[in-house]
Amino acid sequence: PTSGSIFFEGRDLVHLASGPHAGGRGGEMRRLRRDLQIIFQDPFASLD
């Protein structure tokens, strides 16, 4: 986001680091990603 907040169970996701090399609070974001998933629009493009 450009600005604003996203809270999941009271934790602000915007301020958690993400990515494969994120440590510390990035680990918290990685754990939270288990709880947050998406089903995409195009079933032909979304599967490898």
All heavy atoms as atom14 arrays in JSON, in Angstrom:
{
  "sequence": "PTSGSIFFEGRDLVHLASGPHAGGRGGEMRRLRRDLQIIFQDPFASLD",
  "atom14_mask": [
    [1, 1, 1, 1, 1, 1, 1, 0, 0, 0, 0, 0, 0, 0],
    [1, 1, 1, 1, 1, 1, 1, 0, 0, 0, 0, 0, 0, 0],
    [1, 1, 1, 1, 1, 1, 0, 0, 0, 0, 0, 0, 0, 0],
    [1, 1, 1, 1, 0, 0, 0, 0, 0, 0, 0, 0, 0, 0],
    [1, 1, 1, 1, 1, 1, 0, 0, 0, 0, 0, 0, 0, 0],
    [1, 1, 1, 1, 1, 1, 1, 1, 0, 0, 0, 0, 0, 0],
    [1, 1, 1, 1, 1, 1, 1, 1, 1, 1, 1, 0, 0, 0],
    [1, 1, 1, 1, 1, 1, 1, 1, 1, 1, 1, 0, 0, 0],
    [1, 1, 1, 1, 1, 1, 1, 1, 1, 0, 0, 0, 0, 0],
    [1, 1, 1, 1, 0, 0, 0, 0, 0, 0, 0, 0, 0, 0],
    [1, 1, 1, 1, 1, 1, 1, 1, 1, 1, 1, 0, 0, 0],
    [1, 1, 1, 1, 1, 1, 1, 1, 0, 0, 0, 0, 0, 0],
    [1, 1, 1, 1, 1, 1, 1, 1, 0, 0, 0, 0, 0, 0],
    [1, 1, 1, 1, 1, 1, 1, 0, 0, 0, 0, 0, 0, 0],
    [1, 1, 1, 1, 1, 1, 1, 1, 1, 1, 0, 0, 0, 0],
    [1, 1, 1, 1, 1, 1, 1, 1, 0, 0, 0, 0, 0, 0],
    [1, 1, 1, 1, 1, 0, 0, 0, 0, 0, 0, 0, 0, 0],
    [1, 1, 1, 1, 1, 1, 0, 0, 0, 0, 0, 0, 0, 0],
    [1, 1, 1, 1, 0, 0, 0, 0, 0, 0, 0, 0, 0, 0],
    [1, 1, 1, 1, 1, 1, 1, 0, 0, 0, 0, 0, 0, 0],
    [1, 1, 1, 1, 1, 1, 1, 1, 1, 1, 0, 0, 0, 0],
    [1, 1, 1, 1, 1, 0, 0, 0, 0, 0, 0, 0, 0, 0],
    [1, 1, 1, 1, 0, 0, 0, 0, 0, 0, 0, 0, 0, 0],
    [1, 1, 1, 1, 0, 0, 0, 0, 0, 0, 0, 0, 0, 0],
    [1, 1, 1, 1, 1, 1, 1, 1, 1, 1, 1, 0, 0, 0],
    [1, 1, 1, 1, 0, 0, 0, 0, 0, 0, 0, 0, 0, 0],
    [1, 1, 1, 1, 0, 0, 0, 0, 0, 0, 0, 0, 0, 0],
    [1, 1, 1, 1, 1, 1, 1, 1, 1, 0, 0, 0, 0, 0],
    [1, 1, 1, 1, 1, 1, 1, 1, 0, 0, 0, 0, 0, 0],
    [1, 1, 1, 1, 1, 1, 1, 1, 1, 1, 1, 0, 0, 0],
    [1, 1, 1, 1, 1, 1, 1, 1, 1, 1, 1, 0, 0, 0],
    [1, 1, 1, 1, 1, 1, 1, 1, 0, 0, 0, 0, 0, 0],
    [1, 1, 1, 1, 1, 1, 1, 1, 1, 1, 1, 0, 0, 0],
    [1, 1, 1, 1, 1, 1, 1, 1, 1, 1, 1, 0, 0, 0],
    [1, 1, 1, 1, 1, 1, 1, 1, 0, 0, 0, 0, 0, 0],
    [1, 1, 1, 1, 1, 1, 1, 1, 0, 0, 0, 0, 0, 0],
    [1, 1, 1, 1, 1, 1, 1, 1, 1, 0, 0, 0, 0, 0],
    [1, 1, 1, 1, 1, 1, 1, 1, 0, 0, 0, 0, 0, 0],
    [1, 1, 1, 1, 1, 1, 1, 1, 0, 0, 0, 0, 0, 0],
    [1, 1, 1, 1, 1, 1, 1, 1, 1, 1, 1, 0, 0, 0],
    [1, 1, 1, 1, 1, 1, 1, 1, 1, 0, 0, 0, 0, 0],
    [1, 1, 1, 1, 1, 1, 1, 1, 0, 0, 0, 0, 0, 0],
    [1, 1, 1, 1, 1, 1, 1, 0, 0, 0, 0, 0, 0, 0],
    [1, 1, 1, 1, 1, 1, 1, 1, 1, 1, 1, 0, 0, 0],
    [1, 1, 1, 1, 1, 0, 0, 0, 0, 0, 0, 0, 0, 0],
    [1, 1, 1, 1, 1, 1, 0, 0, 0, 0, 0, 0, 0, 0],
    [1, 1, 1, 1, 1, 1, 1, 1, 0, 0, 0, 0, 0, 0],
    [1, 1, 1, 1, 1, 1, 1, 1, 0, 0, 0, 0, 0, 0]
  ],
  "atom14_positions": [
    [[0.82, -1.22, 0.0], [0.0, 0.0, 0.0], [0.85, 1.26, 0.0], [2.0, 1.25, 0.45], [-0.79, -0.14, 1.31], [0.09, -0.95, 2.2], [0.8, -1.92, 1.3], [0.0, 0.0, 0.0], [0.0, 0.0, 0.0], [0.0, 0.0, 0.0], [0.0, 0.0, 0.0], [0.0, 0.0, 0.0], [0.0, 0.0, 0.0], [0.0, 0.0, 0.0]],
    [[0.27, 2.32, -0.5], [0.91, 3.63, -0.4], [0.8, 4.16, 1.02], [1.75, 4.75, 1.56], [0.26, 4.61, -1.39], [0.36, 4.07, -2.72], [0.96, 5.97, -1.35], [0.0, 0.0, 0.0], [0.0, 0.0, 0.0], [0.0, 0.0, 0.0], [0.0, 0.0, 0.0], [0.0, 0.0, 0.0], [0.0, 0.0, 0.0], [0.0, 0.0, 0.0]],
    [[-0.35, 3.94, 1.64], [-0.55, 4.34, 3.04], [-1.71, 3.54, 3.61], [-2.46, 2.89, 2.89], [-0.83, 5.85, 3.14], [-2.02, 6.19, 2.44], [0.0, 0.0, 0.0], [0.0, 0.0, 0.0], [0.0, 0.0, 0.0], [0.0, 0.0, 0.0], [0.0, 0.0, 0.0], [0.0, 0.0, 0.0], [0.0, 0.0, 0.0], [0.0, 0.0, 0.0]],
    [[-1.84, 3.61, 4.94], [-2.93, 2.93, 5.61], [-2.46, 1.73, 6.41], [-1.26, 1.41, 6.44], [0.0, 0.0, 0.0], [0.0, 0.0, 0.0], [0.0, 0.0, 0.0], [0.0, 0.0, 0.0], [0.0, 0.0, 0.0], [0.0, 0.0, 0.0], [0.0, 0.0, 0.0], [0.0, 0.0, 0.0], [0.0, 0.0, 0.0], [0.0, 0.0, 0.0]],
    [[-3.39, 1.06, 7.05], [-3.09, -0.06, 7.94], [-3.96, -1.26, 7.6], [-5.09, -1.12, 7.14], [-3.33, 0.33, 9.4], [-2.54, 1.44, 9.78], [0.0, 0.0, 0.0], [0.0, 0.0, 0.0], [0.0, 0.0, 0.0], [0.0, 0.0, 0.0], [0.0, 0.0, 0.0], [0.0, 0.0, 0.0], [0.0, 0.0, 0.0], [0.0, 0.0, 0.0]],
    [[-3.39, -2.45, 7.83], [-4.1, -3.71, 7.64], [-3.9, -4.53, 8.91], [-2.77, -4.92, 9.23], [-3.54, -4.51, 6.44], [-3.5, -3.65, 5.18], [-4.35, -5.78, 6.21], [-2.6, -4.21, 4.09], [0.0, 0.0, 0.0], [0.0, 0.0, 0.0], [0.0, 0.0, 0.0], [0.0, 0.0, 0.0], [0.0, 0.0, 0.0], [0.0, 0.0, 0.0]],
    [[-4.97, -4.76, 9.66], [-4.87, -5.49, 10.92], [-5.48, -6.88, 10.77], [-6.62, -7.01, 10.32], [-5.59, -4.74, 12.04], [-4.94, -3.43, 12.41], [-5.35, -2.25, 11.82], [-3.91, -3.4, 13.34], [-4.75, -1.04, 12.16], [-3.31, -2.2, 13.69], [-3.73, -1.02, 13.1], [0.0, 0.0, 0.0], [0.0, 0.0, 0.0], [0.0, 0.0, 0.0]],
    [[-4.72, -7.89, 11.16], [-5.23, -9.26, 11.24], [-5.09, -9.7, 12.69], [-3.98, -9.79, 13.21], [-4.46, -10.19, 10.31], [-4.99, -11.6, 10.3], [-6.14, -11.92, 9.6], [-4.34, -12.61, 11.01], [-6.64, -13.21, 9.6], [-4.83, -13.9, 11.01], [-5.99, -14.2, 10.3], [0.0, 0.0, 0.0], [0.0, 0.0, 0.0], [0.0, 0.0, 0.0]],
    [[-6.21, -9.93, 13.33], [-6.24, -10.23, 14.76], [-5.44, -9.21, 15.57], [-4.72, -9.55, 16.49], [-5.71, -11.64, 15.03], [-6.61, -12.73, 14.51], [-6.2, -14.1, 14.99], [-4.99, -14.39, 15.01], [-7.1, -14.88, 15.37], [0.0, 0.0, 0.0], [0.0, 0.0, 0.0], [0.0, 0.0, 0.0], [0.0, 0.0, 0.0], [0.0, 0.0, 0.0]],
    [[-5.57, -7.94, 15.19], [-4.94, -6.86, 15.93], [-3.51, -6.56, 15.56], [-2.94, -5.58, 16.06], [0.0, 0.0, 0.0], [0.0, 0.0, 0.0], [0.0, 0.0, 0.0], [0.0, 0.0, 0.0], [0.0, 0.0, 0.0], [0.0, 0.0, 0.0], [0.0, 0.0, 0.0], [0.0, 0.0, 0.0], [0.0, 0.0, 0.0], [0.0, 0.0, 0.0]],
    [[-2.89, -7.36, 14.69], [-1.5, -7.12, 14.29], [-1.48, -6.4, 12.95], [-2.13, -6.84, 11.99], [-0.74, -8.45, 14.19], [-0.48, -9.09, 15.56], [-0.01, -10.51, 15.42], [-1.1, -11.39, 15.03], [-1.01, -12.71, 14.95], [0.13, -13.3, 15.22], [-2.07, -13.44, 14.61], [0.0, 0.0, 0.0], [0.0, 0.0, 0.0], [0.0, 0.0, 0.0]],
    [[-0.73, -5.31, 12.88], [-0.68, -4.5, 11.67], [0.28, -5.15, 10.68], [1.5, -5.13, 10.87], [-0.24, -3.08, 11.99], [-0.4, -2.14, 10.79], [-0.67, -2.63, 9.67], [-0.25, -0.92, 10.97], [0.0, 0.0, 0.0], [0.0, 0.0, 0.0], [0.0, 0.0, 0.0], [0.0, 0.0, 0.0], [0.0, 0.0, 0.0], [0.0, 0.0, 0.0]],
    [[-0.26, -5.71, 9.6], [0.56, -6.42, 8.62], [1.49, -5.49, 7.85], [2.54, -5.92, 7.38], [-0.34, -7.16, 7.62], [-1.38, -8.13, 8.18], [-2.07, -8.87, 7.04], [-0.76, -9.11, 9.16], [0.0, 0.0, 0.0], [0.0, 0.0, 0.0], [0.0, 0.0, 0.0], [0.0, 0.0, 0.0], [0.0, 0.0, 0.0], [0.0, 0.0, 0.0]],
    [[1.12, -4.22, 7.73], [1.91, -3.3, 6.93], [3.31, -3.12, 7.51], [4.28, -2.91, 6.78], [1.2, -1.93, 6.8], [2.09, -0.89, 6.16], [-0.09, -2.09, 5.99], [0.0, 0.0, 0.0], [0.0, 0.0, 0.0], [0.0, 0.0, 0.0], [0.0, 0.0, 0.0], [0.0, 0.0, 0.0], [0.0, 0.0, 0.0], [0.0, 0.0, 0.0]],
    [[3.43, -3.23, 8.82], [4.72, -2.99, 9.47], [5.51, -4.27, 9.72], [6.51, -4.25, 10.44], [4.51, -2.22, 10.77], [3.99, -0.84, 10.54], [2.66, -0.5, 10.75], [4.59, 0.28, 10.07], [2.48, 0.78, 10.45], [3.64, 1.27, 10.03], [0.0, 0.0, 0.0], [0.0, 0.0, 0.0], [0.0, 0.0, 0.0], [0.0, 0.0, 0.0]],
    [[5.06, -5.39, 9.14], [5.82, -6.64, 9.24], [6.6, -6.83, 7.95], [6.04, -6.75, 6.85], [4.87, -7.83, 9.45], [4.03, -7.8, 10.73], [3.15, -9.03, 10.78], [4.9, -7.72, 11.97], [0.0, 0.0, 0.0], [0.0, 0.0, 0.0], [0.0, 0.0, 0.0], [0.0, 0.0, 0.0], [0.0, 0.0, 0.0], [0.0, 0.0, 0.0]],
    [[7.89, -7.08, 8.08], [8.72, -7.32, 6.9], [8.29, -8.61, 6.23], [7.79, -9.53, 6.87], [10.2, -7.39, 7.29], [0.0, 0.0, 0.0], [0.0, 0.0, 0.0], [0.0, 0.0, 0.0], [0.0, 0.0, 0.0], [0.0, 0.0, 0.0], [0.0, 0.0, 0.0], [0.0, 0.0, 0.0], [0.0, 0.0, 0.0], [0.0, 0.0, 0.0]],
    [[8.48, -8.67, 4.91], [8.14, -9.88, 4.17], [9.25, -10.18, 3.2], [10.18, -9.41, 3.02], [6.8, -9.7, 3.43], [6.91, -8.66, 2.48], [0.0, 0.0, 0.0], [0.0, 0.0, 0.0], [0.0, 0.0, 0.0], [0.0, 0.0, 0.0], [0.0, 0.0, 0.0], [0.0, 0.0, 0.0], [0.0, 0.0, 0.0], [0.0, 0.0, 0.0]],
    [[9.14, -11.33, 2.56], [10.15, -11.73, 1.6], [11.01, -12.85, 2.13], [11.07, -13.11, 3.32], [0.0, 0.0, 0.0], [0.0, 0.0, 0.0], [0.0, 0.0, 0.0], [0.0, 0.0, 0.0], [0.0, 0.0, 0.0], [0.0, 0.0, 0.0], [0.0, 0.0, 0.0], [0.0, 0.0, 0.0], [0.0, 0.0, 0.0], [0.0, 0.0, 0.0]],
    [[11.75, -13.55, 1.23], [12.5, -14.74, 1.62], [13.64, -14.46, 2.57], [14.11, -15.36, 3.27], [13.01, -15.29, 0.28], [13.01, -14.11, -0.65], [11.86, -13.26, -0.21], [0.0, 0.0, 0.0], [0.0, 0.0, 0.0], [0.0, 0.0, 0.0], [0.0, 0.0, 0.0], [0.0, 0.0, 0.0], [0.0, 0.0, 0.0], [0.0, 0.0, 0.0]],
    [[14.14, -13.21, 2.6], [15.29, -12.91, 3.45], [14.92, -12.11, 4.68], [15.78, -11.64, 5.41], [16.35, -12.14, 2.64], [16.78, -12.86, 1.4], [17.42, -14.08, 1.42], [16.61, -12.54, 0.09], [17.67, -14.47, 0.18], [17.17, -13.57, -0.64], [0.0, 0.0, 0.0], [0.0, 0.0, 0.0], [0.0, 0.0, 0.0], [0.0, 0.0, 0.0]],
    [[13.62, -11.92, 4.91], [13.18, -11.14, 6.07], [13.31, -11.97, 7.33], [12.86, -13.1, 7.4], [11.73, -10.69, 5.88], [0.0, 0.0, 0.0], [0.0, 0.0, 0.0], [0.0, 0.0, 0.0], [0.0, 0.0, 0.0], [0.0, 0.0, 0.0], [0.0, 0.0, 0.0], [0.0, 0.0, 0.0], [0.0, 0.0, 0.0], [0.0, 0.0, 0.0]],
    [[13.93, -11.4, 8.33], [14.06, -12.08, 9.61], [13.25, -11.35, 10.66], [12.58, -10.36, 10.39], [0.0, 0.0, 0.0], [0.0, 0.0, 0.0], [0.0, 0.0, 0.0], [0.0, 0.0, 0.0], [0.0, 0.0, 0.0], [0.0, 0.0, 0.0], [0.0, 0.0, 0.0], [0.0, 0.0, 0.0], [0.0, 0.0, 0.0], [0.0, 0.0, 0.0]],
    [[13.31, -11.83, 11.9], [12.63, -11.13, 12.98], [11.15, -11.04, 12.73], [10.45, -12.04, 12.62], [0.0, 0.0, 0.0], [0.0, 0.0, 0.0], [0.0, 0.0, 0.0], [0.0, 0.0, 0.0], [0.0, 0.0, 0.0], [0.0, 0.0, 0.0], [0.0, 0.0, 0.0], [0.0, 0.0, 0.0], [0.0, 0.0, 0.0], [0.0, 0.0, 0.0]],
    [[10.65, -9.8, 12.59], [9.22, -9.6, 12.35], [8.81, -10.12, 10.99], [7.63, -10.37, 10.73], [8.87, -8.11, 12.5], [9.06, -7.62, 13.93], [8.75, -6.13, 14.05], [7.34, -5.85, 13.82], [6.39, -5.98, 14.74], [6.7, -6.44, 15.94], [5.14, -5.66, 14.48], [0.0, 0.0, 0.0], [0.0, 0.0, 0.0], [0.0, 0.0, 0.0]],
    [[9.8, -10.29, 10.09], [9.48, -10.94, 8.81], [9.03, -12.37, 9.0], [8.2, -12.89, 8.27], [0.0, 0.0, 0.0], [0.0, 0.0, 0.0], [0.0, 0.0, 0.0], [0.0, 0.0, 0.0], [0.0, 0.0, 0.0], [0.0, 0.0, 0.0], [0.0, 0.0, 0.0], [0.0, 0.0, 0.0], [0.0, 0.0, 0.0], [0.0, 0.0, 0.0]],
    [[9.58, -13.04, 10.03], [9.14, -14.39, 10.34], [7.7, -14.4, 10.78], [6.97, -15.35, 10.5], [0.0, 0.0, 0.0], [0.0, 0.0, 0.0], [0.0, 0.0, 0.0], [0.0, 0.0, 0.0], [0.0, 0.0, 0.0], [0.0, 0.0, 0.0], [0.0, 0.0, 0.0], [0.0, 0.0, 0.0], [0.0, 0.0, 0.0], [0.0, 0.0, 0.0]],
    [[7.26, -13.35, 11.47], [5.87, -13.26, 11.89], [4.96, -13.13, 10.67], [3.89, -13.74, 10.61], [5.68, -12.08, 12.84], [4.28, -12.02, 13.45], [4.14, -10.89, 14.44], [5.13, -10.18, 14.71], [3.02, -10.71, 14.96], [0.0, 0.0, 0.0], [0.0, 0.0, 0.0], [0.0, 0.0, 0.0], [0.0, 0.0, 0.0], [0.0, 0.0, 0.0]],
    [[5.37, -12.32, 9.69], [4.57, -12.18, 8.48], [4.5, -13.51, 7.73], [3.45, -13.9, 7.2], [5.19, -11.1, 7.57], [4.36, -10.79, 6.33], [2.76, -10.03, 6.72], [1.66, -10.96, 5.65], [0.0, 0.0, 0.0], [0.0, 0.0, 0.0], [0.0, 0.0, 0.0], [0.0, 0.0, 0.0], [0.0, 0.0, 0.0], [0.0, 0.0, 0.0]],
    [[5.61, -14.23, 7.7], [5.62, -15.53, 7.04], [4.64, -16.49, 7.72], [3.9, -17.21, 7.05], [7.03, -16.1, 7.06], [7.14, -17.48, 6.41], [8.59, -17.98, 6.53], [8.7, -19.35, 6.06], [8.89, -19.72, 4.82], [8.98, -18.79, 3.88], [8.99, -20.99, 4.47], [0.0, 0.0, 0.0], [0.0, 0.0, 0.0], [0.0, 0.0, 0.0]],
    [[4.61, -16.47, 9.04], [3.67, -17.33, 9.75], [2.23, -16.92, 9.48], [1.34, -17.76, 9.33], [3.97, -17.3, 11.26], [5.24, -18.05, 11.66], [5.36, -18.17, 13.16], [5.52, -16.88, 13.81], [6.68, -16.27, 14.0], [7.8, -16.84, 13.56], [6.75, -15.12, 14.62], [0.0, 0.0, 0.0], [0.0, 0.0, 0.0], [0.0, 0.0, 0.0]],
    [[1.99, -15.61, 9.42], [0.63, -15.13, 9.18], [0.14, -15.48, 7.78], [-1.06, -15.62, 7.55], [0.56, -13.62, 9.4], [0.56, -13.16, 10.86], [0.66, -11.65, 10.94], [-0.68, -13.65, 11.59], [0.0, 0.0, 0.0], [0.0, 0.0, 0.0], [0.0, 0.0, 0.0], [0.0, 0.0, 0.0], [0.0, 0.0, 0.0], [0.0, 0.0, 0.0]],
    [[1.06, -15.61, 6.83], [0.65, -15.94, 5.47], [-0.03, -17.3, 5.4], [-0.79, -17.57, 4.46], [1.86, -15.91, 4.53], [2.33, -14.5, 4.21], [3.18, -14.45, 2.97], [3.72, -13.12, 2.73], [3.04, -12.11, 2.2], [1.77, -12.3, 1.87], [3.61, -10.93, 2.01], [0.0, 0.0, 0.0], [0.0, 0.0, 0.0], [0.0, 0.0, 0.0]],
    [[0.21, -18.16, 6.36], [-0.51, -19.43, 6.41], [-2.0, -19.19, 6.58], [-2.82, -19.98, 6.1], [0.02, -20.28, 7.57], [1.49, -20.61, 7.52], [1.93, -21.25, 8.83], [1.24, -22.5, 9.03], [1.68, -23.68, 8.61], [2.83, -23.77, 7.98], [0.98, -24.77, 8.82], [0.0, 0.0, 0.0], [0.0, 0.0, 0.0], [0.0, 0.0, 0.0]],
    [[-2.37, -18.14, 7.29], [-3.77, -17.85, 7.57], [-4.45, -17.02, 6.49], [-5.66, -16.82, 6.54], [-3.89, -17.09, 8.9], [-3.66, -17.98, 10.11], [-4.06, -19.16, 10.05], [-3.08, -17.51, 11.1], [0.0, 0.0, 0.0], [0.0, 0.0, 0.0], [0.0, 0.0, 0.0], [0.0, 0.0, 0.0], [0.0, 0.0, 0.0], [0.0, 0.0, 0.0]],
    [[-3.67, -16.5, 5.55], [-4.18, -15.56, 4.56], [-3.9, -16.1, 3.16], [-2.75, -16.12, 2.72], [-3.52, -14.19, 4.72], [-3.59, -13.56, 6.12], [-2.6, -12.42, 6.25], [-5.0, -13.08, 6.41], [0.0, 0.0, 0.0], [0.0, 0.0, 0.0], [0.0, 0.0, 0.0], [0.0, 0.0, 0.0], [0.0, 0.0, 0.0], [0.0, 0.0, 0.0]],
    [[-4.93, -16.52, 2.45], [-4.74, -17.14, 1.15], [-5.65, -16.48, 0.11], [-6.52, -15.67, 0.44], [-5.03, -18.64, 1.23], [-4.04, -19.41, 2.1], [-2.64, -19.43, 1.52], [-2.46, -19.64, 0.32], [-1.64, -19.23, 2.37], [0.0, 0.0, 0.0], [0.0, 0.0, 0.0], [0.0, 0.0, 0.0], [0.0, 0.0, 0.0], [0.0, 0.0, 0.0]],
    [[-5.44, -16.87, -1.16], [-6.21, -16.28, -2.25], [-6.6, -17.36, -3.24], [-5.86, -18.31, -3.48], [-5.41, -15.15, -2.96], [-6.26, -14.44, -4.01], [-4.12, -15.7, -3.57], [-5.64, -13.15, -4.55], [0.0, 0.0, 0.0], [0.0, 0.0, 0.0], [0.0, 0.0, 0.0], [0.0, 0.0, 0.0], [0.0, 0.0, 0.0], [0.0, 0.0, 0.0]],
    [[-7.81, -17.21, -3.81], [-8.26, -18.0, -4.95], [-8.33, -17.04, -6.12], [-9.05, -16.04, -6.07], [-9.63, -18.64, -4.69], [-9.56, -19.59, -3.49], [-10.14, -19.38, -5.92], [-10.91, -20.0, -2.95], [0.0, 0.0, 0.0], [0.0, 0.0, 0.0], [0.0, 0.0, 0.0], [0.0, 0.0, 0.0], [0.0, 0.0, 0.0], [0.0, 0.0, 0.0]],
    [[-7.58, -17.32, -7.17], [-7.45, -16.38, -8.28], [-8.6, -16.49, -9.28], [-9.32, -17.49, -9.33], [-6.11, -16.6, -9.0], [-4.91, -16.24, -8.18], [-4.17, -17.22, -7.53], [-4.53, -14.92, -8.04], [-3.06, -16.88, -6.77], [-3.43, -14.57, -7.27], [-2.68, -15.56, -6.64], [0.0, 0.0, 0.0], [0.0, 0.0, 0.0], [0.0, 0.0, 0.0]],
    [[-8.69, -15.46, -10.1], [-9.79, -15.35, -11.06], [-9.68, -16.37, -12.19], [-10.67, -17.01, -12.55], [-9.81, -13.94, -11.64], [-10.83, -13.73, -12.75], [-10.81, -12.3, -13.27], [-10.07, -11.46, -12.78], [-11.62, -12.03, -14.27], [0.0, 0.0, 0.0], [0.0, 0.0, 0.0], [0.0, 0.0, 0.0], [0.0, 0.0, 0.0], [0.0, 0.0, 0.0]],
    [[-8.49, -16.52, -12.74], [-8.34, -17.29, -13.97], [-7.78, -18.68, -13.66], [-6.58, -18.82, -13.37], [-7.39, -16.55, -14.92], [-7.32, -17.2, -16.29], [-7.8, -18.35, -16.44], [-6.77, -16.58, -17.22], [0.0, 0.0, 0.0], [0.0, 0.0, 0.0], [0.0, 0.0, 0.0], [0.0, 0.0, 0.0], [0.0, 0.0, 0.0], [0.0, 0.0, 0.0]],
    [[-8.6, -19.72, -13.72], [-8.1, -21.07, -13.39], [-7.13, -21.61, -14.44], [-6.46, -22.61, -14.2], [-9.37, -21.91, -13.33], [-10.33, -21.21, -14.24], [-10.02, -19.74, -14.1], [0.0, 0.0, 0.0], [0.0, 0.0, 0.0], [0.0, 0.0, 0.0], [0.0, 0.0, 0.0], [0.0, 0.0, 0.0], [0.0, 0.0, 0.0], [0.0, 0.0, 0.0]],
    [[-7.06, -20.96, -15.6], [-6.14, -21.42, -16.64], [-4.74, -20.82, -16.45], [-3.74, -21.46, -16.76], [-6.69, -21.06, -18.02], [-7.97, -21.76, -18.33], [-9.19, -21.16, -18.06], [-7.98, -23.03, -18.88], [-10.39, -21.81, -18.32], [-9.17, -23.69, -19.15], [-10.37, -23.08, -18.87], [0.0, 0.0, 0.0], [0.0, 0.0, 0.0], [0.0, 0.0, 0.0]],
    [[-4.66, -19.61, -15.92], [-3.37, -18.95, -15.74], [-2.77, -19.15, -14.36], [-1.58, -18.94, -14.17], [-3.53, -17.44, -16.01], [0.0, 0.0, 0.0], [0.0, 0.0, 0.0], [0.0, 0.0, 0.0], [0.0, 0.0, 0.0], [0.0, 0.0, 0.0], [0.0, 0.0, 0.0], [0.0, 0.0, 0.0], [0.0, 0.0, 0.0], [0.0, 0.0, 0.0]],
    [[-3.58, -19.55, -13.39], [-3.1, -19.59, -12.0], [-2.41, -20.9, -11.62], [-1.84, -21.01, -10.53], [-4.26, -19.35, -11.03], [-5.25, -20.36, -11.15], [0.0, 0.0, 0.0], [0.0, 0.0, 0.0], [0.0, 0.0, 0.0], [0.0, 0.0, 0.0], [0.0, 0.0, 0.0], [0.0, 0.0, 0.0], [0.0, 0.0, 0.0], [0.0, 0.0, 0.0]],
    [[-2.46, -21.91, -12.51], [-1.82, -23.19, -12.24], [-0.64, -23.38, -13.18], [-0.76, -23.22, -14.4], [-2.81, -24.34, -12.43], [-4.11, -24.27, -11.61], [-4.98, -25.49, -11.93], [-3.82, -24.19, -10.13], [0.0, 0.0, 0.0], [0.0, 0.0, 0.0], [0.0, 0.0, 0.0], [0.0, 0.0, 0.0], [0.0, 0.0, 0.0], [0.0, 0.0, 0.0]],
    [[0.52, -23.74, -12.64], [1.72, -23.93, -13.44], [1.55, -25.18, -14.31], [1.39, -26.29, -13.79], [2.94, -24.11, -12.53], [4.25, -24.0, -13.28], [4.33, -24.51, -14.42], [5.21, -23.42, -12.74], [0.0, 0.0, 0.0], [0.0, 0.0, 0.0], [0.0, 0.0, 0.0], [0.0, 0.0, 0.0], [0.0, 0.0, 0.0], [0.0, 0.0, 0.0]]
  ]
}
